[in-house]
N, C-alpha and C. Protein backbone atom coordinates (compact mmCIF):
# COMPACT_ATOMS: atom_id res chain seq x y z
N UNK A 1 31.06 114.92 41.55
CA UNK A 1 30.98 114.51 42.94
C UNK A 1 31.68 113.18 43.16
N UNK A 2 31.48 112.22 42.25
CA UNK A 2 32.12 110.92 42.39
C UNK A 2 33.63 111.04 42.25
N UNK A 3 34.08 111.94 41.35
CA UNK A 3 35.52 112.15 41.17
C UNK A 3 36.18 112.69 42.43
N UNK A 4 35.51 113.63 43.09
CA UNK A 4 36.09 114.20 44.31
C UNK A 4 36.15 113.15 45.42
N UNK A 5 35.14 112.29 45.49
CA UNK A 5 35.13 111.23 46.51
C UNK A 5 36.30 110.27 46.29
N UNK A 6 36.58 109.94 45.03
CA UNK A 6 37.70 109.04 44.73
C UNK A 6 39.02 109.68 45.16
N UNK A 7 39.20 110.96 44.78
CA UNK A 7 40.42 111.67 45.18
C UNK A 7 40.57 111.65 46.71
N UNK A 8 39.48 111.94 47.42
CA UNK A 8 39.53 112.02 48.88
C UNK A 8 39.83 110.66 49.51
N UNK A 9 39.18 109.61 49.00
CA UNK A 9 39.41 108.27 49.54
C UNK A 9 40.86 107.84 49.33
N UNK A 10 41.38 108.09 48.13
CA UNK A 10 42.78 107.74 47.85
C UNK A 10 43.71 108.55 48.75
N UNK A 11 43.42 109.84 48.93
CA UNK A 11 44.25 110.69 49.78
C UNK A 11 44.29 110.20 51.22
N UNK A 12 43.12 109.91 51.78
CA UNK A 12 43.06 109.42 53.16
C UNK A 12 43.76 108.06 53.27
N UNK A 13 43.56 107.18 52.27
CA UNK A 13 44.21 105.87 52.29
C UNK A 13 45.74 106.01 52.29
N UNK A 14 46.26 106.92 51.48
CA UNK A 14 47.71 107.12 51.43
C UNK A 14 48.24 107.66 52.75
N UNK A 15 47.50 108.57 53.36
CA UNK A 15 47.93 109.11 54.65
C UNK A 15 47.92 108.02 55.72
N UNK A 16 46.89 107.19 55.73
CA UNK A 16 46.84 106.08 56.69
C UNK A 16 47.95 105.07 56.43
N UNK A 17 48.27 104.83 55.17
CA UNK A 17 49.38 103.93 54.85
C UNK A 17 50.70 104.48 55.36
N UNK A 18 50.86 105.79 55.31
CA UNK A 18 52.09 106.41 55.84
C UNK A 18 52.23 106.12 57.33
N UNK A 19 51.12 106.11 58.04
CA UNK A 19 51.17 105.80 59.47
C UNK A 19 51.56 104.35 59.71
N UNK A 20 51.09 103.45 58.84
CA UNK A 20 51.38 102.02 59.00
C UNK A 20 52.76 101.65 58.47
N UNK A 21 53.17 102.26 57.35
CA UNK A 21 54.44 101.95 56.71
C UNK A 21 55.25 103.24 56.59
N UNK A 22 56.04 103.58 57.59
CA UNK A 22 56.77 104.84 57.51
C UNK A 22 57.66 104.91 56.27
N UNK A 23 57.35 105.85 55.38
CA UNK A 23 58.10 105.99 54.13
C UNK A 23 58.74 107.37 54.03
N UNK A 24 59.13 107.94 55.18
CA UNK A 24 59.74 109.27 55.20
C UNK A 24 58.86 110.32 54.54
N UNK A 25 57.58 110.26 54.80
CA UNK A 25 56.59 111.25 54.38
C UNK A 25 56.22 111.19 52.90
N UNK A 26 56.69 110.21 52.15
CA UNK A 26 56.37 110.14 50.72
C UNK A 26 54.87 109.91 50.54
N UNK A 27 54.32 108.89 51.21
CA UNK A 27 52.88 108.62 51.06
C UNK A 27 52.04 109.75 51.64
N UNK A 28 52.53 110.38 52.69
CA UNK A 28 51.81 111.52 53.27
C UNK A 28 51.71 112.65 52.26
N UNK A 29 52.81 112.97 51.59
CA UNK A 29 52.81 114.05 50.60
C UNK A 29 51.88 113.72 49.43
N UNK A 30 51.92 112.48 48.97
CA UNK A 30 51.03 112.07 47.89
C UNK A 30 49.57 112.13 48.34
N UNK A 31 49.32 111.74 49.59
CA UNK A 31 47.96 111.79 50.12
C UNK A 31 47.43 113.21 50.20
N UNK A 32 48.27 114.13 50.64
CA UNK A 32 47.87 115.54 50.70
C UNK A 32 47.59 116.06 49.29
N UNK A 33 48.42 115.67 48.34
CA UNK A 33 48.18 116.05 46.94
C UNK A 33 46.84 115.55 46.44
N UNK A 34 46.50 114.30 46.78
CA UNK A 34 45.21 113.75 46.37
C UNK A 34 44.05 114.50 47.02
N UNK A 35 44.22 114.89 48.27
CA UNK A 35 43.16 115.66 48.92
C UNK A 35 42.95 116.99 48.22
N UNK A 36 44.03 117.62 47.78
CA UNK A 36 43.91 118.87 47.02
C UNK A 36 43.19 118.61 45.70
N UNK A 37 43.54 117.51 45.03
CA UNK A 37 42.83 117.13 43.80
C UNK A 37 41.35 116.94 44.05
N UNK A 38 41.01 116.37 45.21
CA UNK A 38 39.61 116.19 45.57
C UNK A 38 38.89 117.50 45.80
N UNK A 39 39.56 118.45 46.42
CA UNK A 39 38.96 119.76 46.64
C UNK A 39 38.72 120.46 45.31
N UNK A 40 39.69 120.38 44.39
CA UNK A 40 39.52 120.99 43.06
C UNK A 40 38.35 120.33 42.34
N UNK A 41 38.23 119.01 42.44
CA UNK A 41 37.12 118.30 41.80
C UNK A 41 35.79 118.71 42.43
N UNK A 42 35.78 118.87 43.75
CA UNK A 42 34.56 119.27 44.45
C UNK A 42 34.12 120.67 44.03
N UNK A 43 35.07 121.54 43.71
CA UNK A 43 34.75 122.89 43.26
C UNK A 43 34.42 122.94 41.77
N UNK A 44 34.44 121.78 41.12
CA UNK A 44 34.06 121.71 39.71
C UNK A 44 35.18 121.96 38.73
N UNK A 45 36.42 121.88 39.17
CA UNK A 45 37.56 122.10 38.28
C UNK A 45 37.71 120.96 37.27
N UNK A 46 38.27 121.25 36.10
CA UNK A 46 38.46 120.21 35.09
C UNK A 46 39.52 119.19 35.54
N UNK A 47 39.55 118.05 34.89
CA UNK A 47 40.45 116.96 35.26
C UNK A 47 41.91 117.39 35.22
N UNK A 48 42.31 118.17 34.19
CA UNK A 48 43.71 118.60 34.11
C UNK A 48 44.11 119.46 35.30
N UNK A 49 43.17 120.26 35.82
CA UNK A 49 43.45 121.09 36.99
C UNK A 49 43.51 120.24 38.27
N UNK A 50 42.66 119.21 38.33
CA UNK A 50 42.69 118.30 39.48
C UNK A 50 44.04 117.59 39.56
N UNK A 51 44.46 117.03 38.41
CA UNK A 51 45.73 116.30 38.37
C UNK A 51 46.90 117.26 38.59
N UNK A 52 46.85 118.42 37.95
CA UNK A 52 47.92 119.41 38.12
C UNK A 52 48.05 119.89 39.54
N UNK A 53 46.90 120.17 40.17
CA UNK A 53 46.92 120.60 41.57
C UNK A 53 47.46 119.52 42.49
N UNK A 54 47.01 118.28 42.25
CA UNK A 54 47.47 117.16 43.08
C UNK A 54 48.98 116.96 42.92
N UNK A 55 49.46 116.96 41.68
CA UNK A 55 50.90 116.78 41.44
C UNK A 55 51.71 117.95 41.99
N UNK A 56 51.24 119.16 41.75
CA UNK A 56 51.97 120.34 42.23
C UNK A 56 52.13 120.35 43.74
N UNK A 57 51.05 120.10 44.44
CA UNK A 57 51.10 120.10 45.90
C UNK A 57 51.94 118.93 46.40
N UNK A 58 51.79 117.74 45.79
CA UNK A 58 52.56 116.58 46.21
C UNK A 58 54.06 116.82 46.03
N UNK A 59 54.44 117.38 44.89
CA UNK A 59 55.87 117.65 44.63
C UNK A 59 56.40 118.71 45.59
N UNK A 60 55.62 119.77 45.80
CA UNK A 60 56.05 120.82 46.73
C UNK A 60 56.20 120.25 48.15
N UNK A 61 55.25 119.43 48.56
CA UNK A 61 55.33 118.83 49.90
C UNK A 61 56.53 117.89 50.01
N UNK A 62 56.82 117.13 48.95
CA UNK A 62 57.99 116.26 48.96
C UNK A 62 59.28 117.06 49.08
N UNK A 63 59.38 118.16 48.34
CA UNK A 63 60.59 118.99 48.41
C UNK A 63 60.78 119.58 49.80
N UNK A 64 59.70 120.07 50.39
CA UNK A 64 59.78 120.65 51.73
C UNK A 64 60.16 119.58 52.75
N UNK A 65 59.53 118.40 52.65
CA UNK A 65 59.84 117.34 53.61
C UNK A 65 61.27 116.84 53.44
N UNK A 66 61.78 116.76 52.23
CA UNK A 66 63.18 116.34 52.00
C UNK A 66 64.13 117.33 52.65
N UNK A 67 63.86 118.61 52.47
CA UNK A 67 64.73 119.64 53.06
C UNK A 67 64.70 119.53 54.59
N UNK A 68 63.50 119.34 55.15
CA UNK A 68 63.37 119.20 56.59
C UNK A 68 64.10 117.96 57.09
N UNK A 69 63.89 116.81 56.43
CA UNK A 69 64.55 115.58 56.85
C UNK A 69 66.06 115.68 56.72
N UNK A 70 66.54 116.29 55.64
CA UNK A 70 67.98 116.44 55.46
C UNK A 70 68.58 117.29 56.57
N UNK A 71 67.90 118.36 56.95
CA UNK A 71 68.38 119.22 58.03
C UNK A 71 68.41 118.44 59.33
N UNK A 72 67.38 117.64 59.60
CA UNK A 72 67.34 116.85 60.82
C UNK A 72 68.47 115.83 60.85
N UNK A 73 68.75 115.17 59.73
CA UNK A 73 69.81 114.17 59.68
C UNK A 73 71.17 114.80 59.90
N UNK A 74 71.39 115.98 59.36
CA UNK A 74 72.70 116.62 59.51
C UNK A 74 72.91 117.12 60.94
N UNK A 75 71.83 117.34 61.69
CA UNK A 75 71.96 117.81 63.06
C UNK A 75 71.85 116.67 64.07
N UNK A 76 71.67 115.44 63.58
CA UNK A 76 71.46 114.34 64.52
C UNK A 76 72.75 114.07 65.30
N UNK A 77 72.58 113.57 66.50
CA UNK A 77 73.69 113.27 67.37
C UNK A 77 73.47 111.86 67.88
N UNK A 78 74.56 111.17 68.11
CA UNK A 78 74.45 109.82 68.65
C UNK A 78 73.96 109.89 70.09
N UNK A 79 73.09 108.96 70.46
CA UNK A 79 72.58 108.91 71.81
C UNK A 79 72.98 107.59 72.45
N UNK A 80 72.80 107.49 73.74
CA UNK A 80 73.11 106.26 74.45
C UNK A 80 74.61 106.04 74.49
N UNK A 81 75.00 104.78 74.49
CA UNK A 81 76.41 104.42 74.61
C UNK A 81 77.24 104.99 73.47
N UNK A 82 76.71 104.99 72.25
CA UNK A 82 77.48 105.50 71.11
C UNK A 82 77.81 106.98 71.26
N UNK A 83 76.96 107.72 71.92
CA UNK A 83 77.21 109.14 72.14
C UNK A 83 78.31 109.41 73.15
N UNK A 84 78.76 108.37 73.84
CA UNK A 84 79.80 108.54 74.86
C UNK A 84 81.20 108.31 74.32
N UNK A 85 81.32 107.84 73.08
CA UNK A 85 82.65 107.59 72.51
C UNK A 85 83.43 108.90 72.49
N UNK A 86 84.65 108.84 73.03
CA UNK A 86 85.50 110.02 73.11
C UNK A 86 85.40 110.75 74.44
N UNK A 87 84.39 110.44 75.24
CA UNK A 87 84.21 111.09 76.54
C UNK A 87 85.13 110.45 77.58
N UNK A 88 85.40 111.18 78.64
CA UNK A 88 86.19 110.62 79.74
C UNK A 88 85.30 110.38 80.94
N UNK A 89 85.74 109.47 81.77
CA UNK A 89 85.03 109.14 82.99
C UNK A 89 86.01 108.56 83.98
N UNK A 90 85.50 107.94 85.02
CA UNK A 90 86.37 107.31 86.00
C UNK A 90 85.82 105.97 86.43
N UNK A 91 86.72 105.14 86.92
CA UNK A 91 86.40 103.75 87.26
C UNK A 91 85.78 103.69 88.65
N UNK A 92 84.64 103.02 88.75
CA UNK A 92 83.97 102.80 90.03
C UNK A 92 84.41 101.44 90.59
N UNK A 93 84.32 100.40 89.76
CA UNK A 93 84.78 99.05 90.09
C UNK A 93 85.90 98.72 89.13
N UNK A 94 86.97 98.11 89.60
CA UNK A 94 88.12 97.82 88.75
C UNK A 94 87.69 97.17 87.43
N UNK A 95 88.28 97.66 86.35
CA UNK A 95 88.01 97.10 85.02
C UNK A 95 89.13 96.12 84.73
N UNK A 96 88.80 94.84 84.68
CA UNK A 96 89.80 93.78 84.51
C UNK A 96 89.74 93.22 83.10
N UNK A 97 90.41 93.90 82.18
CA UNK A 97 90.48 93.44 80.79
C UNK A 97 89.11 93.12 80.23
N UNK A 98 88.97 91.94 79.61
CA UNK A 98 87.69 91.57 79.01
C UNK A 98 86.63 91.17 80.04
N UNK A 99 87.05 90.96 81.32
CA UNK A 99 86.07 90.60 82.35
C UNK A 99 85.21 91.80 82.73
N UNK A 100 85.78 92.98 82.58
CA UNK A 100 84.99 94.19 82.77
C UNK A 100 84.95 94.70 84.18
N UNK A 101 84.24 95.79 84.32
CA UNK A 101 84.07 96.47 85.58
C UNK A 101 82.99 97.52 85.42
N UNK A 102 83.08 98.56 86.25
CA UNK A 102 82.05 99.60 86.23
C UNK A 102 82.72 100.97 86.16
N UNK A 103 82.23 101.82 85.26
CA UNK A 103 82.77 103.17 85.12
C UNK A 103 81.63 104.18 85.19
N UNK A 104 81.99 105.42 85.48
CA UNK A 104 81.00 106.50 85.49
C UNK A 104 81.40 107.50 84.42
N UNK A 105 80.49 107.74 83.46
CA UNK A 105 80.74 108.67 82.36
C UNK A 105 79.52 109.57 82.26
N UNK A 106 79.75 110.88 82.25
CA UNK A 106 78.68 111.88 82.19
C UNK A 106 77.58 111.62 83.21
N UNK A 107 78.01 111.28 84.43
CA UNK A 107 77.07 111.12 85.53
C UNK A 107 76.32 109.80 85.57
N UNK A 108 76.60 108.88 84.65
CA UNK A 108 75.90 107.60 84.63
C UNK A 108 76.88 106.46 84.77
N UNK A 109 76.49 105.43 85.50
CA UNK A 109 77.31 104.23 85.66
C UNK A 109 77.08 103.30 84.48
N UNK A 110 78.17 102.77 83.94
CA UNK A 110 78.11 101.86 82.79
C UNK A 110 79.03 100.67 83.04
N UNK A 111 78.61 99.49 82.57
CA UNK A 111 79.50 98.34 82.52
C UNK A 111 80.54 98.64 81.47
N UNK A 112 81.78 98.22 81.71
CA UNK A 112 82.85 98.53 80.76
C UNK A 112 83.85 97.39 80.71
N UNK A 113 84.52 97.28 79.57
CA UNK A 113 85.65 96.36 79.39
C UNK A 113 86.83 97.20 78.94
N UNK A 114 88.04 96.69 79.22
CA UNK A 114 89.24 97.43 78.84
C UNK A 114 89.57 97.16 77.38
N UNK A 115 90.08 98.20 76.69
CA UNK A 115 90.46 98.07 75.29
C UNK A 115 91.64 97.11 75.15
N UNK A 116 92.53 97.09 76.13
CA UNK A 116 93.67 96.17 76.13
C UNK A 116 93.50 95.25 77.34
N UNK A 117 94.30 94.20 77.38
CA UNK A 117 94.21 93.24 78.48
C UNK A 117 94.95 93.79 79.70
N UNK A 118 94.37 94.82 80.30
CA UNK A 118 94.97 95.45 81.48
C UNK A 118 93.91 95.58 82.57
N UNK A 119 94.39 95.80 83.79
CA UNK A 119 93.47 96.07 84.88
C UNK A 119 93.54 97.56 85.19
N UNK A 120 92.38 98.20 85.23
CA UNK A 120 92.31 99.62 85.53
C UNK A 120 91.68 99.75 86.91
N UNK A 121 92.42 100.31 87.89
CA UNK A 121 91.93 100.33 89.27
C UNK A 121 90.81 101.35 89.48
N UNK A 122 90.04 101.17 90.55
CA UNK A 122 88.99 102.14 90.88
C UNK A 122 89.57 103.53 91.06
N UNK A 123 88.87 104.54 90.56
CA UNK A 123 89.30 105.92 90.68
C UNK A 123 90.13 106.41 89.51
N UNK A 124 90.64 105.49 88.68
CA UNK A 124 91.44 105.89 87.53
C UNK A 124 90.56 106.56 86.48
N UNK A 125 91.15 107.49 85.75
CA UNK A 125 90.43 108.19 84.68
C UNK A 125 90.55 107.37 83.40
N UNK A 126 89.43 107.25 82.67
CA UNK A 126 89.40 106.46 81.43
C UNK A 126 88.74 107.26 80.32
N UNK A 127 89.04 106.86 79.10
CA UNK A 127 88.40 107.44 77.90
C UNK A 127 87.63 106.32 77.21
N UNK A 128 86.41 106.63 76.77
CA UNK A 128 85.59 105.65 76.05
C UNK A 128 86.07 105.60 74.60
N UNK A 129 86.45 104.40 74.14
CA UNK A 129 86.95 104.25 72.77
C UNK A 129 85.99 103.49 71.87
N UNK A 130 84.98 102.86 72.45
CA UNK A 130 84.04 102.11 71.62
C UNK A 130 82.93 101.52 72.46
N UNK A 131 82.11 100.71 71.80
CA UNK A 131 80.97 100.06 72.45
C UNK A 131 80.92 98.62 71.98
N UNK A 132 80.75 97.69 72.91
CA UNK A 132 80.54 96.27 72.58
C UNK A 132 79.23 95.85 73.22
N UNK A 133 78.20 95.71 72.41
CA UNK A 133 76.88 95.40 72.95
C UNK A 133 76.40 96.55 73.80
N UNK A 134 76.18 96.27 75.10
CA UNK A 134 75.75 97.35 76.00
C UNK A 134 76.86 97.76 76.97
N UNK A 135 78.11 97.40 76.63
CA UNK A 135 79.26 97.76 77.46
C UNK A 135 80.14 98.76 76.74
N UNK A 136 80.72 99.67 77.52
CA UNK A 136 81.67 100.62 76.96
C UNK A 136 83.05 99.97 76.90
N UNK A 137 83.81 100.30 75.88
CA UNK A 137 85.21 99.89 75.79
C UNK A 137 86.02 101.11 76.21
N UNK A 138 86.88 100.94 77.23
CA UNK A 138 87.61 102.07 77.78
C UNK A 138 89.11 101.79 77.79
N UNK A 139 89.87 102.89 77.86
CA UNK A 139 91.31 102.79 78.02
C UNK A 139 91.72 103.84 79.05
N UNK A 140 92.77 103.55 79.81
CA UNK A 140 93.22 104.54 80.79
C UNK A 140 93.76 105.78 80.08
N UNK A 141 93.56 106.95 80.69
CA UNK A 141 94.01 108.19 80.05
C UNK A 141 95.37 108.63 80.52
N UNK A 142 95.91 108.04 81.53
CA UNK A 142 97.22 108.45 82.04
C UNK A 142 97.67 107.45 83.07
N UNK A 143 98.44 107.90 84.05
CA UNK A 143 98.86 106.99 85.12
C UNK A 143 97.63 106.39 85.79
N UNK A 144 97.75 105.13 86.14
CA UNK A 144 96.59 104.43 86.70
C UNK A 144 96.51 104.60 88.21
N UNK A 145 96.59 105.84 88.65
CA UNK A 145 96.43 106.14 90.06
C UNK A 145 95.05 106.76 90.25
N UNK A 146 94.40 106.42 91.34
CA UNK A 146 93.05 106.95 91.56
C UNK A 146 93.01 108.47 91.62
N UNK A 147 92.11 109.07 90.81
CA UNK A 147 91.88 110.51 90.82
C UNK A 147 90.60 110.86 91.56
N UNK A 148 89.72 109.87 91.72
CA UNK A 148 88.40 110.10 92.32
C UNK A 148 88.16 109.07 93.40
N UNK A 149 87.33 109.42 94.33
CA UNK A 149 86.88 108.45 95.31
C UNK A 149 85.70 107.69 94.72
N UNK A 150 85.70 106.38 94.79
CA UNK A 150 84.58 105.59 94.23
C UNK A 150 83.28 105.83 94.94
């Protein structure tokens, strides 16, 4: 009975630590393994079975979580300003070189600066080439004649 309580306390502690210190599910998997060790101890299993069950479940959980995390990372997409790099938009307020202006990209208005020291008039089409802080870096995509009404 005391052995199962120790396994359970350690398991719960590891799970709570995972909540406080995100370790990509490592402590969570170890905590679940300890809980399994506690259940085996509660059922009267020998120490080797408790340790084996805890290790087996912890390793299996780690492998599953790694596969899940790897799949999530490979499908991740940039969000916010970084996700707009390569997109086109149009100028709402003239973009005057490094002084900046206002552009609309994917339906949202963004502060922008020009990639080169040029002035891009309102209505001109631009392509996002980068991000500086919270401003988009844009360049004109063709002739700087207005294509859109501001």
